[in-house]
Protein backbone atom coordinates (compact mmCIF):
# COMPACT_ATOMS: atom_id res chain seq x y z
CA MET A 1 -53.80 153.69 125.96
CA THR A 2 -51.58 156.70 126.47
CA LEU A 3 -49.61 154.98 129.21
CA GLN A 4 -48.93 152.02 126.96
CA LEU A 5 -47.61 154.33 124.24
CA ILE A 6 -45.36 156.06 126.71
CA LEU A 7 -44.00 152.76 127.96
CA MET A 8 -43.53 151.56 124.42
CA PHE A 9 -41.67 154.74 123.46
CA ALA A 10 -39.53 154.48 126.63
CA LEU A 11 -38.71 150.87 125.80
CA ILE A 12 -37.78 151.83 122.25
CA ALA A 13 -35.59 154.71 123.57
CA VAL A 14 -33.85 152.35 125.98
CA ILE A 15 -33.22 149.84 123.20
CA ILE A 16 -31.83 152.62 120.97
CA MET A 17 -29.56 153.85 123.78
CA ILE A 18 -28.34 150.30 124.41
CA ILE A 19 -27.65 149.85 120.70
CA VAL A 20 -25.83 153.21 120.46
CA ALA A 21 -23.82 152.68 123.64
CA GLY A 22 -22.96 149.07 122.84
CA TYR A 23 -22.31 149.34 119.10
CA VAL A 24 -18.88 148.00 118.12
CA LYS A 25 -17.24 147.38 114.73
CA ALA A 26 -14.18 145.18 114.32
CA PRO A 27 -11.50 145.86 111.61
CA PRO A 28 -10.30 142.96 109.40
CA ASP A 29 -6.98 142.53 111.27
CA ARG A 30 -8.48 142.36 114.76
CA ALA A 31 -10.98 140.11 116.55
CA TYR A 32 -13.42 141.73 118.96
CA ILE A 33 -14.46 139.20 121.61
CA ILE A 34 -17.73 140.01 123.41
CA SER A 35 -18.17 138.05 126.66
CA GLY A 36 -20.29 138.19 129.79
CA MET A 37 -23.85 137.05 129.04
CA ARG A 38 -23.16 133.79 127.20
CA LYS A 39 -21.16 130.68 127.91
CA ASN A 40 -19.21 130.99 124.65
CA PRO A 41 -18.12 134.52 123.79
CA ARG A 42 -19.07 136.09 120.47
CA ILE A 43 -16.23 136.81 118.01
CA LEU A 44 -16.42 139.73 115.57
CA ILE A 45 -13.89 139.93 112.67
CA GLY A 46 -14.45 142.66 110.07
CA ARG A 47 -18.10 143.14 111.03
CA ALA A 48 -20.25 145.06 113.53
CA GLY A 49 -22.07 143.92 116.66
CA VAL A 50 -23.80 145.13 119.82
CA LYS A 51 -22.80 144.51 123.40
CA ILE A 52 -25.05 145.05 126.37
CA PRO A 53 -23.65 147.82 128.56
CA PHE A 54 -22.69 146.88 132.12
CA PHE A 55 -23.32 143.19 131.37
CA GLU A 56 -20.87 142.45 128.56
CA ARG A 57 -17.34 143.58 127.72
CA VAL A 58 -15.25 143.81 124.53
CA ASP A 59 -11.66 142.54 124.32
CA LYS A 60 -9.36 142.83 121.32
CA LEU A 61 -7.03 140.29 119.73
CA TYR A 62 -4.51 141.19 116.97
CA LEU A 63 -4.83 138.91 113.91
CA GLY A 64 -2.24 140.51 111.60
CA GLN A 65 1.06 139.03 110.46
CA MET A 66 3.93 139.21 112.95
CA THR A 67 7.69 138.76 112.44
CA VAL A 68 9.63 136.79 115.03
CA ASP A 69 13.42 137.07 114.99
CA ILE A 70 14.84 133.66 115.98
CA LYS A 71 18.49 133.65 117.03
CA THR A 72 20.56 131.14 118.92
CA GLU A 73 22.01 133.33 121.63
CA GLN A 74 24.62 130.63 122.34
CA SER A 75 26.33 128.16 120.03
CA VAL A 76 24.39 124.93 119.46
CA PRO A 77 26.20 121.64 118.60
CA THR A 78 25.06 119.88 115.42
CA ASN A 79 24.73 116.14 114.85
CA ASP A 80 28.47 116.03 114.01
CA PHE A 81 29.29 118.05 117.18
CA ILE A 82 30.13 121.35 115.51
CA ASN A 83 28.98 124.47 117.38
CA VAL A 84 26.97 126.76 115.11
CA ASN A 85 24.97 129.99 115.40
CA VAL A 86 21.80 130.24 113.32
CA ASP A 87 19.81 133.40 112.55
CA ALA A 88 16.27 132.85 111.22
CA VAL A 89 13.06 134.81 110.75
CA ALA A 90 9.54 133.36 111.14
CA LYS A 91 6.30 134.91 109.94
CA VAL A 92 3.35 133.96 112.22
CA ARG A 93 -0.22 135.00 112.93
CA ILE A 94 -3.16 133.94 115.08
CA GLY A 95 -5.42 131.41 113.37
CA THR A 96 -8.75 132.73 112.07
CA ASP A 97 -10.86 129.71 113.09
CA THR A 98 -12.87 129.83 116.28
CA GLU A 99 -10.77 127.28 118.16
CA SER A 100 -7.48 129.09 117.41
CA ILE A 101 -8.96 132.44 118.41
CA GLN A 102 -10.27 131.01 121.67
CA LEU A 103 -6.83 129.46 122.43
CA ALA A 104 -5.01 132.69 121.53
CA ALA A 105 -7.47 134.76 123.59
CA LYS A 106 -6.41 132.85 126.68
CA ASN A 107 -2.75 133.87 126.09
CA PHE A 108 -2.57 137.07 124.03
CA LEU A 109 -5.81 138.98 124.67
CA ASN A 110 -5.41 142.79 124.52
CA LYS A 111 -1.65 142.49 123.80
CA ASP A 112 0.32 144.44 121.20
CA PRO A 113 2.08 142.60 118.33
CA GLU A 114 5.48 143.28 119.93
CA GLN A 115 4.42 141.60 123.18
CA ILE A 116 3.07 138.60 121.28
CA THR A 117 6.33 138.14 119.31
CA LEU A 118 8.36 138.31 122.53
CA ASP A 119 6.17 135.58 124.04
CA LEU A 120 6.65 133.36 120.96
CA GLN A 121 10.38 133.96 120.55
CA ASP A 122 11.56 131.61 123.33
CA SER A 123 9.41 128.73 122.08
CA LEU A 124 10.58 129.08 118.48
CA GLN A 125 14.24 129.32 119.53
CA GLY A 126 13.88 126.11 121.51
CA ASN A 127 12.33 124.28 118.54
CA MET A 128 15.14 125.46 116.25
CA ARG A 129 17.78 124.28 118.73
CA GLU A 130 16.20 120.81 118.78
CA ILE A 131 16.25 120.58 114.98
CA ILE A 132 19.90 121.79 114.82
CA GLY A 133 20.95 118.95 117.10
CA THR A 134 19.50 116.34 114.67
CA LEU A 135 21.23 117.66 111.51
CA ALA A 136 24.83 117.71 110.28
CA LEU A 137 26.61 121.01 109.50
CA LYS A 138 26.76 120.31 105.77
CA THR A 139 23.04 119.52 105.65
CA ILE A 140 22.16 122.71 107.55
CA ASN A 141 24.29 124.81 105.22
CA THR A 142 23.44 123.20 101.89
CA ASP A 143 19.79 122.21 102.38
CA ARG A 144 18.32 125.20 104.17
CA ASP A 145 14.83 124.62 102.79
CA SER A 146 14.68 121.19 104.42
CA PHE A 147 16.08 122.69 107.64
CA SER A 148 13.45 125.46 107.73
CA ASP A 149 10.67 122.95 106.91
CA GLN A 150 11.71 120.76 109.82
CA VAL A 151 11.77 123.79 112.14
CA MET A 152 8.26 124.79 110.98
CA GLU A 153 6.98 121.22 111.40
CA LYS A 154 8.46 120.97 114.88
CA ALA A 155 7.29 124.42 116.00
CA SER A 156 3.80 124.08 114.48
CA ARG A 157 2.81 121.46 117.01
CA ASP A 158 3.70 123.80 119.89
CA MET A 159 2.31 126.92 118.22
CA SER A 160 -1.07 125.25 117.48
CA LYS A 161 -1.56 124.79 121.20
CA LEU A 162 -1.34 128.59 121.51
CA GLY A 163 -3.61 129.26 118.54
CA ILE A 164 -0.65 130.44 116.41
CA GLU A 165 -0.18 129.61 112.74
CA ILE A 166 3.35 129.63 111.24
CA LEU A 167 3.28 131.12 107.75
CA SER A 168 6.99 130.82 106.86
CA CYS A 169 10.42 130.28 108.33
CA ASN A 170 13.58 131.49 106.54
CA ILE A 171 17.19 130.75 107.57
CA GLN A 172 19.09 134.02 107.30
CA ASN A 173 22.60 133.11 108.34
CA VAL A 174 24.62 130.11 109.60
CA THR A 175 28.04 130.57 111.25
CA ASP A 176 30.38 128.39 113.26
CA GLU A 177 33.02 129.21 115.84
CA ASN A 178 35.99 127.52 114.09
CA GLY A 179 35.41 128.68 110.50
CA LEU A 180 34.62 125.20 109.15
CA ILE A 181 31.98 126.56 106.82
CA SER A 182 34.62 128.82 105.25
CA ASP A 183 36.99 125.85 104.93
CA LEU A 184 34.29 123.80 103.19
CA GLY A 185 33.71 126.69 100.88
CA MET A 186 37.43 126.95 100.16
CA ASP A 187 37.58 123.20 99.35
CA ASN A 188 34.66 123.51 96.96
CA THR A 189 36.18 126.68 95.53
CA ALA A 190 39.48 124.91 94.89
CA LYS A 191 37.71 122.00 93.16
CA ILE A 192 35.66 124.38 91.09
CA LYS A 193 38.77 126.37 90.14
CA LYS A 194 40.62 123.16 89.20
CA ASP A 195 37.78 121.91 87.00
CA ALA A 196 37.45 125.36 85.49
CA ALA A 197 41.20 125.55 84.76
CA ILE A 198 41.17 122.11 83.07
CA ALA A 199 38.13 123.01 81.05
CA LYS A 200 39.71 126.33 80.10
CA ALA A 201 42.96 124.64 78.98
CA GLN A 202 41.07 122.15 76.84
CA ALA A 203 38.96 124.92 75.38
CA ASP A 204 42.07 127.00 74.63
CA ARG A 205 43.65 124.02 72.87
CA ASP A 206 40.58 123.41 70.73
CA VAL A 207 40.36 127.09 69.99
CA ALA A 208 44.04 127.24 68.93
CA ILE A 209 43.64 124.25 66.57
CA ALA A 210 40.49 125.67 65.07
CA GLN A 211 42.13 129.07 64.78
CA ALA A 212 45.15 127.63 62.90
CA GLU A 213 42.92 125.77 60.45
CA ALA A 214 40.81 128.84 59.97
CA ASP A 215 43.90 130.99 59.39
CA LYS A 216 45.19 128.55 56.73
CA ALA A 217 41.89 128.49 54.88
CA ALA A 218 41.61 132.24 55.16
CA ASN A 219 45.12 132.72 53.77
CA ASP A 220 44.39 130.47 50.73
CA ALA A 221 41.19 132.30 50.07
CA ARG A 222 42.93 135.63 50.47
CA VAL A 223 45.68 134.77 47.94
CA LEU A 224 43.12 133.55 45.40
CA ALA A 225 41.01 136.62 45.93
CA GLN A 226 43.96 138.99 45.61
CA THR A 227 45.02 137.34 42.30
CA GLU A 228 41.58 137.76 40.86
CA ILE A 229 41.46 141.32 42.16
CA ALA A 230 44.80 142.15 40.48
CA GLU A 231 43.56 140.80 37.16
CA LYS A 232 40.32 142.69 37.40
CA ASN A 233 42.19 145.88 38.41
CA ASN A 234 44.50 145.59 35.37
CA ALA A 235 41.59 145.23 32.97
CA LEU A 236 39.83 148.07 34.72
CA ALA A 237 42.88 150.34 34.36
CA ILE A 238 43.08 149.67 30.61
CA LYS A 239 39.41 150.37 30.18
CA GLN A 240 39.66 153.51 32.32
CA ALA A 241 42.56 154.83 30.18
CA GLU A 242 40.53 154.38 26.96
CA LEU A 243 37.51 156.02 28.48
CA LYS A 244 39.64 158.87 29.86
CA ARG A 245 41.12 159.57 26.42
CA GLU A 246 37.69 159.75 24.82
CA ALA A 247 36.44 161.87 27.72
CA ASP A 248 39.38 164.29 27.50
CA THR A 249 38.77 164.80 23.75
CA ALA A 250 35.10 165.48 24.30
CA GLY A 251 35.93 167.66 27.27
CA ALA A 252 38.36 169.81 25.30
CA ILE A 253 35.75 170.38 22.59
CA ALA A 254 33.14 171.18 25.24
CA ASP A 255 35.55 173.50 27.10
CA ALA A 256 36.26 175.52 23.96
CA ALA A 257 32.56 175.91 23.20
CA TYR A 258 31.89 176.72 26.84
CA GLN A 259 34.58 179.41 26.93
CA ILE A 260 33.18 181.05 23.76
CA GLN A 261 29.67 180.99 25.18
CA GLU A 262 30.92 182.19 28.52
CA GLN A 263 32.69 185.18 26.95
CA GLU A 264 29.52 186.19 25.12
CA GLN A 265 27.49 185.85 28.30
CA GLN A 266 30.02 187.89 30.28
CA LYS A 267 29.86 190.64 27.65
CA THR A 268 26.07 190.73 27.89
CA ILE A 269 26.22 190.67 31.70
CA GLN A 270 28.76 193.53 31.79
CA THR A 271 26.58 195.66 29.49
CA ALA A 272 23.52 195.03 31.63
CA THR A 273 25.53 195.69 34.79
CA VAL A 274 26.78 199.05 33.50
CA ASN A 275 23.25 200.08 32.48
CA ALA A 276 21.94 199.00 35.89
CA GLN A 277 24.66 200.95 37.69
CA ILE A 278 23.90 204.08 35.64
CA ALA A 279 20.19 203.76 36.43
CA LYS A 280 20.99 203.12 40.06
CA ALA A 281 23.26 206.19 40.24
CA GLU A 282 20.52 208.36 38.67
CA ARG A 283 17.97 207.00 41.10
CA GLU A 284 20.28 207.56 44.07
CA ALA A 285 20.93 211.15 42.90
CA GLU A 286 17.18 211.81 42.74
CA LEU A 287 16.68 210.24 46.17
CA LYS A 288 19.50 212.31 47.62
CA GLN A 289 17.98 215.52 46.19
CA LYS A 290 14.63 214.64 47.71
CA GLU A 291 16.29 213.75 51.02
CA VAL A 292 18.14 217.09 51.02
CA LEU A 293 14.86 218.92 50.33
CA VAL A 294 13.09 217.02 53.12
CA LYS A 295 15.95 217.66 55.53
CA GLN A 296 15.92 221.38 54.63
CA GLN A 297 12.20 221.55 55.32
CA GLU A 298 12.63 219.60 58.60
CA LEU A 299 15.56 221.84 59.60
CA ALA A 300 13.58 224.99 58.80
CA ALA A 301 10.59 223.72 60.78
CA GLU A 302 12.83 222.68 63.65
CA ILE A 303 14.65 226.05 63.63
CA GLU A 304 11.34 227.92 63.56
CA LYS A 305 9.97 225.75 66.34
CA LYS A 306 13.13 226.15 68.35
CA ALA A 307 13.12 229.93 67.78
CA ASP A 308 9.51 230.13 68.97
CA ALA A 309 10.36 228.04 72.02
CA GLU A 310 13.42 230.17 72.79
CA LYS A 311 11.39 233.36 72.27
CA TYR A 312 8.70 232.11 74.65
CA GLN A 313 11.33 230.97 77.13
CA ALA A 314 13.15 234.33 76.88
CA GLU A 315 9.89 236.24 77.45
CA LYS A 316 9.02 234.14 80.46
CA LYS A 317 12.55 234.43 81.75
CA ALA A 318 12.50 238.23 81.30
CA GLU A 319 9.18 238.45 83.13
CA ALA A 320 10.52 236.29 85.94
CA GLU A 321 13.72 238.33 86.15
CA LEU A 322 11.69 241.58 86.18
CA VAL A 323 9.53 240.28 89.03
CA GLN A 324 12.61 239.07 90.84
CA ARG A 325 14.41 242.43 90.38
CA GLN A 326 11.34 244.29 91.68
CA LYS A 327 11.20 242.05 94.72
CA LYS A 328 14.93 242.45 95.25
CA ALA A 329 14.63 246.27 94.92
CA GLU A 330 11.79 246.36 97.44
CA ALA A 331 13.73 244.11 99.80
CA ALA A 332 16.89 246.21 99.33
CA LYS A 333 14.94 249.42 99.98
CA TYR A 334 13.45 247.92 103.14
CA GLU A 335 16.86 246.70 104.25
CA GLN A 336 18.42 250.13 103.56
CA GLU A 337 15.73 251.86 105.60
CA ARG A 338 16.22 249.38 108.43
CA GLU A 339 19.99 249.74 108.13
CA ALA A 340 19.75 253.60 108.14
CA ASP A 341 17.61 253.47 111.29
CA ALA A 342 20.04 251.07 112.88
CA LYS A 343 23.04 253.22 111.89
CA LYS A 344 21.34 256.32 113.24
CA ALA A 345 20.64 254.64 116.55
CA GLN A 346 24.14 253.23 116.60
CA ALA A 347 25.65 256.68 115.84
CA GLU A 348 23.68 258.23 118.69
CA ALA A 349 24.78 255.45 121.01
CA GLN A 350 28.38 255.81 119.88
CA LYS A 351 28.19 259.60 120.35
CA PHE A 352 26.89 259.19 123.90
CA ALA A 353 29.51 256.52 124.61
CA ALA A 354 32.25 258.74 123.14
CA GLU A 355 31.14 261.67 125.29
CA GLN A 356 31.12 259.43 128.36
CA GLU A 357 34.47 257.94 127.39
CA ALA A 358 35.98 261.40 126.76
CA ALA A 359 34.80 262.60 130.14
CA GLY A 360 36.25 259.50 131.79
CA ILE A 361 39.52 259.81 129.90
CA LYS A 362 39.79 263.50 130.83
CA ALA A 363 39.19 262.71 134.48
CA LYS A 364 41.65 259.85 134.29
CA TYR A 365 44.31 261.96 132.60
CA ASP A 366 43.77 264.80 135.08
CA ALA A 367 44.23 262.38 137.95
CA GLU A 368 47.26 260.79 136.31
CA ALA A 369 48.80 264.22 135.64
CA ALA A 370 48.27 265.27 139.21
CA GLY A 371 49.77 262.02 140.40
CA ILE A 372 52.74 262.32 138.06
CA ALA A 373 53.37 265.92 139.18
CA ALA A 374 53.20 264.93 142.82
CA LYS A 375 55.42 261.92 142.15
CA GLY A 376 57.88 264.12 140.27
CA ARG A 377 58.02 266.60 143.10
CA ALA A 378 58.50 263.80 145.60
CA GLU A 379 61.21 262.18 143.51
CA ALA A 380 62.93 265.54 143.07
CA GLU A 381 62.84 266.17 146.80
CA ALA A 382 64.14 262.64 147.42
CA ILE A 383 66.93 263.05 144.85
CA LYS A 384 67.80 266.39 146.35
CA ALA A 385 67.86 264.97 149.86
CA LYS A 386 69.86 261.96 148.65
CA GLY A 387 72.38 264.23 146.91
CA LEU A 388 72.73 266.42 149.98
CA ALA A 389 73.17 263.31 152.12
CA GLU A 390 75.73 261.85 149.75
CA ALA A 391 77.60 265.15 149.54
CA GLU A 392 77.60 265.44 153.27
CA ALA A 393 78.74 261.82 153.57
CA MET A 394 81.53 262.41 151.05
CA GLU A 395 82.60 265.52 152.90
CA LYS A 396 82.67 263.69 156.17
CA LYS A 397 84.48 260.76 154.51
CA ALA A 398 87.07 263.17 153.15
CA GLU A 399 87.54 264.67 156.58
CA ALA A 400 87.89 261.17 158.00
CA TYR A 401 90.45 260.29 155.37
CA LYS A 402 92.41 263.42 156.32
CA LYS A 403 92.43 262.23 159.91
CA TYR A 404 93.64 258.76 158.96
CA ASN A 405 97.14 258.04 160.21
CA GLY A 406 99.54 255.26 159.42
CA ALA A 407 98.10 252.99 162.09
CA ALA A 408 94.60 253.15 160.59
CA MET A 409 95.90 252.49 157.14
CA ALA A 410 97.97 249.63 158.43
CA GLU A 411 94.94 248.23 160.16
CA MET A 412 93.01 248.42 156.90
CA MET A 413 95.82 246.69 155.07
CA ILE A 414 95.98 243.96 157.69
CA LYS A 415 92.21 243.39 157.42
CA ILE A 416 92.32 242.92 153.68
CA MET A 417 95.50 240.80 153.68
CA PRO A 418 93.63 237.46 154.26
CA GLN A 419 91.31 238.33 151.43
CA MET A 420 94.25 239.25 149.21
CA ALA A 421 96.01 236.01 150.08
CA ALA A 422 92.86 234.02 149.32
CA GLU A 423 92.49 235.72 145.95
CA ILE A 424 96.16 235.11 145.17
CA ALA A 425 95.83 231.40 146.14
CA LYS A 426 92.54 230.90 144.25
CA PRO A 427 94.27 229.96 140.97
CA LEU A 428 96.20 227.29 142.86
CA SER A 429 92.93 225.75 144.13
CA GLN A 430 91.81 225.18 140.55
CA ILE A 431 94.79 222.89 139.88
CA ASP A 432 93.59 219.23 139.91
CA LYS A 433 96.99 217.56 139.94
CA ILE A 434 100.60 218.75 140.51
CA ASN A 435 103.69 216.79 139.61
CA ILE A 436 106.67 217.99 141.72
CA TYR A 437 110.19 217.39 140.43
CA GLY A 438 113.51 218.18 142.21
CA THR A 439 115.98 220.76 140.83
CA GLY A 440 119.69 220.62 140.49
CA ASP A 441 120.40 223.22 143.23
CA GLY A 442 119.15 220.85 146.00
CA SER A 443 115.72 222.49 146.53
CA ASN A 444 112.54 220.59 145.79
CA GLY A 445 109.41 221.80 143.93
CA ALA A 446 107.23 222.12 147.04
CA SER A 447 109.57 224.76 148.59
CA GLN A 448 109.48 226.71 145.35
CA ILE A 449 105.64 226.81 145.40
CA SER A 450 105.48 227.89 149.07
CA GLY A 451 108.27 230.42 148.55
CA ASN A 452 106.40 231.95 145.68
CA MET A 453 103.65 233.30 147.94
CA PRO A 454 105.72 236.09 149.71
CA ILE A 455 107.03 237.17 146.31
CA VAL A 456 103.53 237.56 144.98
CA MET A 457 102.44 239.47 148.14
CA LYS A 458 105.40 241.84 147.81
CA GLN A 459 104.55 242.49 144.18
CA VAL A 460 101.00 243.33 145.20
CA PHE A 461 102.19 245.80 147.87
CA ASP A 462 104.58 247.42 145.43
CA THR A 463 101.81 247.81 142.88
CA MET A 464 99.49 249.40 145.43
CA SER A 465 102.20 251.75 146.65
CA GLU A 466 102.88 252.93 143.08
CA ALA A 467 99.16 253.42 142.40
CA THR A 468 98.33 255.31 145.63
CA GLY A 469 101.69 256.96 146.39
CA VAL A 470 101.66 255.41 149.90
CA ASP A 471 104.57 253.27 151.05
CA PHE A 472 102.66 250.38 152.62
CA THR A 473 105.95 248.72 153.61
CA GLU A 474 106.88 251.59 155.87
CA ILE A 475 103.38 251.66 157.33
CA MET A 476 103.66 248.02 158.22
CA ARG A 477 107.14 248.54 159.57
CA ALA A 478 105.87 251.35 161.86
CA GLY A 479 104.22 248.79 164.10
CA THR A 480 107.40 246.80 164.60
CA TYR A 481 109.68 246.92 167.66
CA ASP A 482 112.48 248.72 165.85
CA ALA A 483 110.19 251.54 164.83
CA LYS A 484 108.86 252.00 168.32
CA VAL A 485 112.34 251.99 169.91
CA ASN A 486 114.47 253.79 167.33
CA LYS A 487 111.71 256.13 166.07
CA ASN A 488 113.14 255.74 162.59
CA ILE A 489 110.00 255.76 160.39
CA ASN A 490 109.42 257.89 157.27
CA ILE A 491 105.95 257.62 155.72
CA THR A 492 104.97 259.74 152.80
CA GLY A 493 101.87 259.74 150.73
CA ALA A 494 99.09 261.87 149.39
CA ASP A 495 97.97 264.27 152.09
CA VAL A 496 100.03 262.26 154.66
CA SER A 497 103.60 262.97 155.77
CA VAL A 498 105.17 261.60 158.98
CA GLU A 499 108.84 261.70 159.83
CA THR A 500 110.34 260.60 163.14
CA LYS A 501 113.97 260.58 164.11
């Protein structure tokens, strides 16, 4: 008994697993086709079912509406041999009966709607081309409902073989290569414009006639109405004048009575106003006295309160200042003690430094004094030796000068003559440009410049002779041939006297 229960439970578990693993539920827009165990597959649309795992399979077929764009990629000739291009849109779907689903399953099983529309597009385009060839251009353009019906009728036979149902077919656009449709439209437009222009002209004529008759009747009615209005206005003016006279009389009487009453009322109002102003002034005076009293009390209270606050503030401030002064005094005392200690230490350091500095300065000055004394003695000895040497040199130079004869002096003069000539010619070297002009005596300017040099040299010798007392001309002449042969030289000068005969 237990084994049977176990087997029964195992069988139930297997059945439950098969149901869970094979449970499928189809949406309303798709057909689930279960095949494998039966000759004819089961079709599920919007309901649930169970497939046996490993023995059956589930395929899907889209049943929703699909849009197929039908266009003639190339121009198609009509019955009257006019090439046209037609653009149409067809709405299709797979039939919901079993036969249509079985036919569609053989062609579109497990395909997306886009793939199905691409498969149907070629067939629908071919059907539309066939229908275009049987119709004239005017029929295609003017009777598009008939054209689309013929396309649907023609395509339905082919689509039913695929399990497809055509819901609608709409012609979107019809064009031709040569613009004949536009020409037909222009012809119709011209006819319509012509008929409209004629109808408009006739309507304008009728309107003008009716307008003239209406204007005449309106004018007659207007004249009659204006006459009656003038008569009524005249009578009204007379009546208004009579009424105005009566009204003015009554108004004058009423105005006089009103003015009298108004004056009495104004008098009463003025009296009441004056009394009210007096009462108001008295009331305001009382209020002002009370306000002054209140303000005096408030001011006194405020002054007393302010005085108390200032007194408290002054006391606290005095206490704070006293504490602050005590702290400052203690700090100052501490600082003074520290400063006195520092000054004492600094004074001792300065004293020691001054002693050391004084000792150094004394030693330095002693050394400098000794050096200066030694230097002074050395300089004195040097000056003395220099003076003795210079005196001795001067003495020897004087003795040498005494021994100088005319030949030595002449030699000295000859040595300095080139230098003298150079100094005399130096001003001429500074001249940048010389213009030489001839003179009337036959001598040119160049000979005058060259002849000027001996004159200048002679003037120099004369000047030196006058300054020194030595006749340099005779000294120079002593070396000549005449002096040596004739012995006729007379040289005189300071400390020098030579005479030869």
